[in-house]
Amino acid sequence: LKILFEPGAYIVGICGMVFAYTGWHFFHTLFYFGLFLRLNM
């Protein structure tokens, strides 16, 4: 069970890190885009 669980946890950790990074980047892009629109109105 541990042999099967270890790679699974490793893959989930990598996916979580990638998702957190892209989500944070997307949030920043959205924030700056909204700020840009507000300044131009």
C-alpha atoms as a PDB file:
ATOM      1  CA  LEU A   1       0.000   0.000   0.000  1.00  0.00           C
ATOM      2  CA  LYS A   2       2.839   2.385   0.858  1.00  0.00           C
ATOM      3  CA  ILE A   3       4.590   1.621  -2.461  1.00  0.00           C
ATOM      4  CA  LEU A   4       1.409   2.595  -4.338  1.00  0.00           C
ATOM      5  CA  PHE A   5       0.652   5.576  -2.094  1.00  0.00           C
ATOM      6  CA  GLU A   6       4.054   7.308  -2.289  1.00  0.00           C
ATOM      7  CA  PRO A   7       4.070   8.070  -6.071  1.00  0.00           C
ATOM      8  CA  GLY A   8       0.396   9.095  -5.864  1.00  0.00           C
ATOM      9  CA  ALA A   9       1.132  11.635  -3.133  1.00  0.00           C
ATOM     10  CA  TYR A  10       4.147  12.867  -5.126  1.00  0.00           C
ATOM     11  CA  ILE A  11       2.046  13.374  -8.288  1.00  0.00           C
ATOM     12  CA  VAL A  12      -0.737  15.112  -6.318  1.00  0.00           C
ATOM     13  CA  GLY A  13       1.874  17.397  -4.733  1.00  0.00           C
ATOM     14  CA  ILE A  14       3.297  18.392  -8.138  1.00  0.00           C
ATOM     15  CA  CYS A  15      -0.196  18.954  -9.596  1.00  0.00           C
ATOM     16  CA  GLY A  16      -1.117  21.042  -6.549  1.00  0.00           C
ATOM     17  CA  MET A  17       2.011  23.183  -6.913  1.00  0.00           C
ATOM     18  CA  VAL A  18       1.432  23.719 -10.652  1.00  0.00           C
ATOM     19  CA  PHE A  19      -2.252  24.549 -10.062  1.00  0.00           C
ATOM     20  CA  ALA A  20      -1.396  26.977  -7.247  1.00  0.00           C
ATOM     21  CA  TYR A  21       1.216  28.726  -9.440  1.00  0.00           C
ATOM     22  CA  THR A  22      -1.042  29.040 -12.503  1.00  0.00           C
ATOM     23  CA  GLY A  23      -4.020  30.051 -10.329  1.00  0.00           C
ATOM     24  CA  TRP A  24      -1.955  32.774  -8.626  1.00  0.00           C
ATOM     25  CA  HIS A  25      -0.629  33.974 -11.999  1.00  0.00           C
ATOM     26  CA  PHE A  26      -4.174  34.034 -13.444  1.00  0.00           C
ATOM     27  CA  PHE A  27      -5.427  35.984 -10.402  1.00  0.00           C
ATOM     28  CA  HIS A  28      -2.653  38.558 -10.819  1.00  0.00           C
ATOM     29  CA  THR A  29      -3.382  38.951 -14.537  1.00  0.00           C
ATOM     30  CA  LEU A  30      -7.095  39.403 -13.808  1.00  0.00           C
ATOM     31  CA  PHE A  31      -6.333  41.931 -11.054  1.00  0.00           C
ATOM     32  CA  TYR A  32      -4.045  44.064 -13.239  1.00  0.00           C
ATOM     33  CA  PHE A  33      -6.477  43.853 -16.177  1.00  0.00           C
ATOM     34  CA  GLY A  34      -9.307  45.087 -13.924  1.00  0.00           C
ATOM     35  CA  LEU A  35      -7.091  47.891 -12.601  1.00  0.00           C
ATOM     36  CA  PHE A  36      -6.168  48.860 -16.175  1.00  0.00           C
ATOM     37  CA  LEU A  37      -9.850  49.006 -17.202  1.00  0.00           C
ATOM     38  CA  ARG A  38     -10.755  51.072 -14.135  1.00  0.00           C
ATOM     39  CA  LEU A  39      -8.006  53.627 -14.826  1.00  0.00           C
ATOM     40  CA  ASN A  40      -9.066  53.977 -18.470  1.00  0.00           C
ATOM     41  CA  MET A  41     -12.767  54.574 -17.737  1.00  0.00           C
END
